[in-house]
C-alpha atoms as a PDB file:
ATOM      1  CA  MET A   1     108.652 111.844  77.187  1.00  0.00           C
ATOM      2  CA  ALA A   2     109.704 115.519  76.918  1.00  0.00           C
ATOM      3  CA  ASP A   3     108.460 116.142  80.486  1.00  0.00           C
ATOM      4  CA  PHE A   4     110.756 113.511  82.051  1.00  0.00           C
ATOM      5  CA  LYS A   5     113.670 114.923  80.107  1.00  0.00           C
ATOM      6  CA  ALA A   6     113.072 118.440  81.215  1.00  0.00           C
ATOM      7  CA  ILE A   7     112.440 117.615  84.939  1.00  0.00           C
ATOM      8  CA  THR A   8     115.907 115.608  84.719  1.00  0.00           C
ATOM      9  CA  GLU A   9     117.609 118.693  83.138  1.00  0.00           C
ATOM     10  CA  LEU A  10     116.406 120.760  86.193  1.00  0.00           C
ATOM     11  CA  LEU A  11     117.497 118.056  88.580  1.00  0.00           C
ATOM     12  CA  ILE A  12     120.710 117.946  87.166  1.00  0.00           C
ATOM     13  CA  LYS A  13     121.043 121.811  87.263  1.00  0.00           C
ATOM     14  CA  PHE A  14     119.902 121.759  90.908  1.00  0.00           C
ATOM     15  CA  ARG A  15     122.574 118.913  91.759  1.00  0.00           C
ATOM     16  CA  ASP A  16     125.432 120.403  89.981  1.00  0.00           C
ATOM     17  CA  GLU A  17     125.034 123.898  91.271  1.00  0.00           C
ATOM     18  CA  ARG A  18     125.606 122.383  94.795  1.00  0.00           C
ATOM     19  CA  ASP A  19     128.474 119.939  93.378  1.00  0.00           C
ATOM     20  CA  TRP A  20     126.318 116.900  94.665  1.00  0.00           C
ATOM     21  CA  LYS A  21     126.855 114.741  91.754  1.00  0.00           C
ATOM     22  CA  GLN A  22     130.009 113.096  93.559  1.00  0.00           C
ATOM     23  CA  PHE A  23     127.345 111.504  96.019  1.00  0.00           C
ATOM     24  CA  HIS A  24     125.070 110.493  93.295  1.00  0.00           C
ATOM     25  CA  ASN A  25     126.545 106.968  92.624  1.00  0.00           C
ATOM     26  CA  SER A  26     124.202 103.999  91.222  1.00  0.00           C
ATOM     27  CA  LYS A  27     124.366 102.466  94.835  1.00  0.00           C
ATOM     28  CA  ASP A  28     123.640 105.770  96.803  1.00  0.00           C
ATOM     29  CA  LEU A  29     120.848 106.727  94.411  1.00  0.00           C
ATOM     30  CA  ALA A  30     119.111 103.239  94.749  1.00  0.00           C
ATOM     31  CA  LEU A  31     119.673 103.420  98.603  1.00  0.00           C
ATOM     32  CA  ALA A  32     118.055 106.909  98.752  1.00  0.00           C
ATOM     33  CA  ILE A  33     114.914 105.562  96.885  1.00  0.00           C
ATOM     34  CA  SER A  34     114.803 103.181  99.357  1.00  0.00           C
ATOM     35  CA  ILE A  35     114.881 105.212 102.259  1.00  0.00           C
ATOM     36  CA  GLU A  36     112.450 107.787 100.386  1.00  0.00           C
ATOM     37  CA  ALA A  37     110.102 105.036 100.075  1.00  0.00           C
ATOM     38  CA  ALA A  38     110.212 104.302 103.601  1.00  0.00           C
ATOM     39  CA  GLU A  39     109.416 107.736 104.769  1.00  0.00           C
ATOM     40  CA  LEU A  40     106.310 107.462 102.086  1.00  0.00           C
ATOM     41  CA  ASN A  41     105.481 104.401 104.049  1.00  0.00           C
ATOM     42  CA  GLU A  42     105.807 106.235 107.536  1.00  0.00           C
ATOM     43  CA  LEU A  43     102.832 108.725 106.031  1.00  0.00           C
ATOM     44  CA  PHE A  44     100.314 106.076 106.517  1.00  0.00           C
ATOM     45  CA  LEU A  45     101.480 104.606 109.640  1.00  0.00           C
ATOM     46  CA  TRP A  46      98.818 103.945 112.080  1.00  0.00           C
ATOM     47  CA  LYS A  47      96.464 105.722 109.801  1.00  0.00           C
ATOM     48  CA  GLU A  48      93.120 105.007 107.980  1.00  0.00           C
ATOM     49  CA  ASN A  49      94.072 103.872 104.396  1.00  0.00           C
ATOM     50  CA  GLU A  50      93.390 107.437 102.583  1.00  0.00           C
ATOM     51  CA  ASP A  51      93.999 109.443 105.764  1.00  0.00           C
ATOM     52  CA  VAL A  52      97.471 111.065 104.631  1.00  0.00           C
ATOM     53  CA  ASP A  53      98.960 114.622 104.604  1.00  0.00           C
ATOM     54  CA  LYS A  54      98.727 115.531 100.843  1.00  0.00           C
ATOM     55  CA  GLY A  55     101.725 117.847 101.127  1.00  0.00           C
ATOM     56  CA  LYS A  56     103.947 115.285 102.884  1.00  0.00           C
ATOM     57  CA  LEU A  57     102.498 112.646 100.166  1.00  0.00           C
ATOM     58  CA  LYS A  58     103.710 114.949  97.472  1.00  0.00           C
ATOM     59  CA  GLU A  59     106.975 115.773  98.963  1.00  0.00           C
ATOM     60  CA  GLU A  60     108.078 112.010  99.488  1.00  0.00           C
ATOM     61  CA  LEU A  61     106.800 111.009  95.980  1.00  0.00           C
ATOM     62  CA  ALA A  62     109.005 113.908  94.279  1.00  0.00           C
ATOM     63  CA  ASP A  63     111.903 112.557  96.351  1.00  0.00           C
ATOM     64  CA  ILE A  64     111.439 109.079  95.122  1.00  0.00           C
ATOM     65  CA  PHE A  65     110.830 110.235  91.466  1.00  0.00           C
ATOM     66  CA  SER A  66     113.867 112.711  91.532  1.00  0.00           C
ATOM     67  CA  PHE A  67     116.356 110.040  92.801  1.00  0.00           C
ATOM     68  CA  ALA A  68     114.804 107.622  90.210  1.00  0.00           C
ATOM     69  CA  LEU A  69     115.032 109.920  87.205  1.00  0.00           C
ATOM     70  CA  LEU A  70     118.672 110.771  88.212  1.00  0.00           C
ATOM     71  CA  LEU A  71     119.350 106.857  88.462  1.00  0.00           C
ATOM     72  CA  ALA A  72     117.828 106.370  84.903  1.00  0.00           C
ATOM     73  CA  GLU A  73     119.937 109.302  83.662  1.00  0.00           C
ATOM     74  CA  LYS A  74     123.138 107.835  85.035  1.00  0.00           C
ATOM     75  CA  HIS A  75     122.450 104.620  83.162  1.00  0.00           C
ATOM     76  CA  LYS A  76     121.364 106.331  80.087  1.00  0.00           C
ATOM     77  CA  LEU A  77     117.858 104.635  80.269  1.00  0.00           C
ATOM     78  CA  ASP A  78     114.661 106.263  78.541  1.00  0.00           C
ATOM     79  CA  ILE A  79     112.019 106.449  81.223  1.00  0.00           C
ATOM     80  CA  SER A  80     109.020 105.902  78.640  1.00  0.00           C
ATOM     81  CA  SER A  81     110.538 103.084  77.046  1.00  0.00           C
ATOM     82  CA  ILE A  82     111.606 101.192  80.463  1.00  0.00           C
ATOM     83  CA  ILE A  83     107.963 101.615  81.690  1.00  0.00           C
ATOM     84  CA  LYS A  84     106.395 100.786  78.222  1.00  0.00           C
ATOM     85  CA  ASP A  85     108.538  97.522  78.370  1.00  0.00           C
ATOM     86  CA  LYS A  86     107.478  96.520  81.897  1.00  0.00           C
ATOM     87  CA  ILE A  87     103.902  96.972  81.180  1.00  0.00           C
ATOM     88  CA  ALA A  88     104.213  94.613  77.924  1.00  0.00           C
ATOM     89  CA  ILE A  89     106.024  92.048  80.240  1.00  0.00           C
ATOM     90  CA  ASN A  90     103.408  92.404  82.971  1.00  0.00           C
ATOM     91  CA  ALA A  91     100.771  92.090  80.123  1.00  0.00           C
ATOM     92  CA  GLU A  92     102.120  88.602  79.184  1.00  0.00           C
ATOM     93  CA  LYS A  93     102.561  87.503  82.852  1.00  0.00           C
ATOM     94  CA  TYR A  94      99.126  88.717  84.175  1.00  0.00           C
ATOM     95  CA  THR A  95      96.649  88.490  81.267  1.00  0.00           C
ATOM     96  CA  VAL A  96      93.385  89.626  81.633  1.00  0.00           C
ATOM     97  CA  GLU A  97      91.843  86.218  81.350  1.00  0.00           C
ATOM     98  CA  LYS A  98      93.794  85.047  84.518  1.00  0.00           C
ATOM     99  CA  SER A  99      92.565  88.488  86.545  1.00  0.00           C
END
């Protein structure tokens, strides 16, 4: 999708202006996703299911998506394709009849 490409280009521009590419190897991007996911989980800790600060939720999701987009770009993966492929795999694995 054009949106993924445009956002990824913005992320790369931001990263490169700060000379952060040196820190964005695959391992560290994967770790960053995991750490940001833990921060996302923390927003819900000891709260009711939907009782979350929407501003902080947006920030943590943005961090996760940003690192995921950078990791996909690093490996020349097309976001739309890999998501569609995974949906197809899940559709075979978890058929409607079994649900």
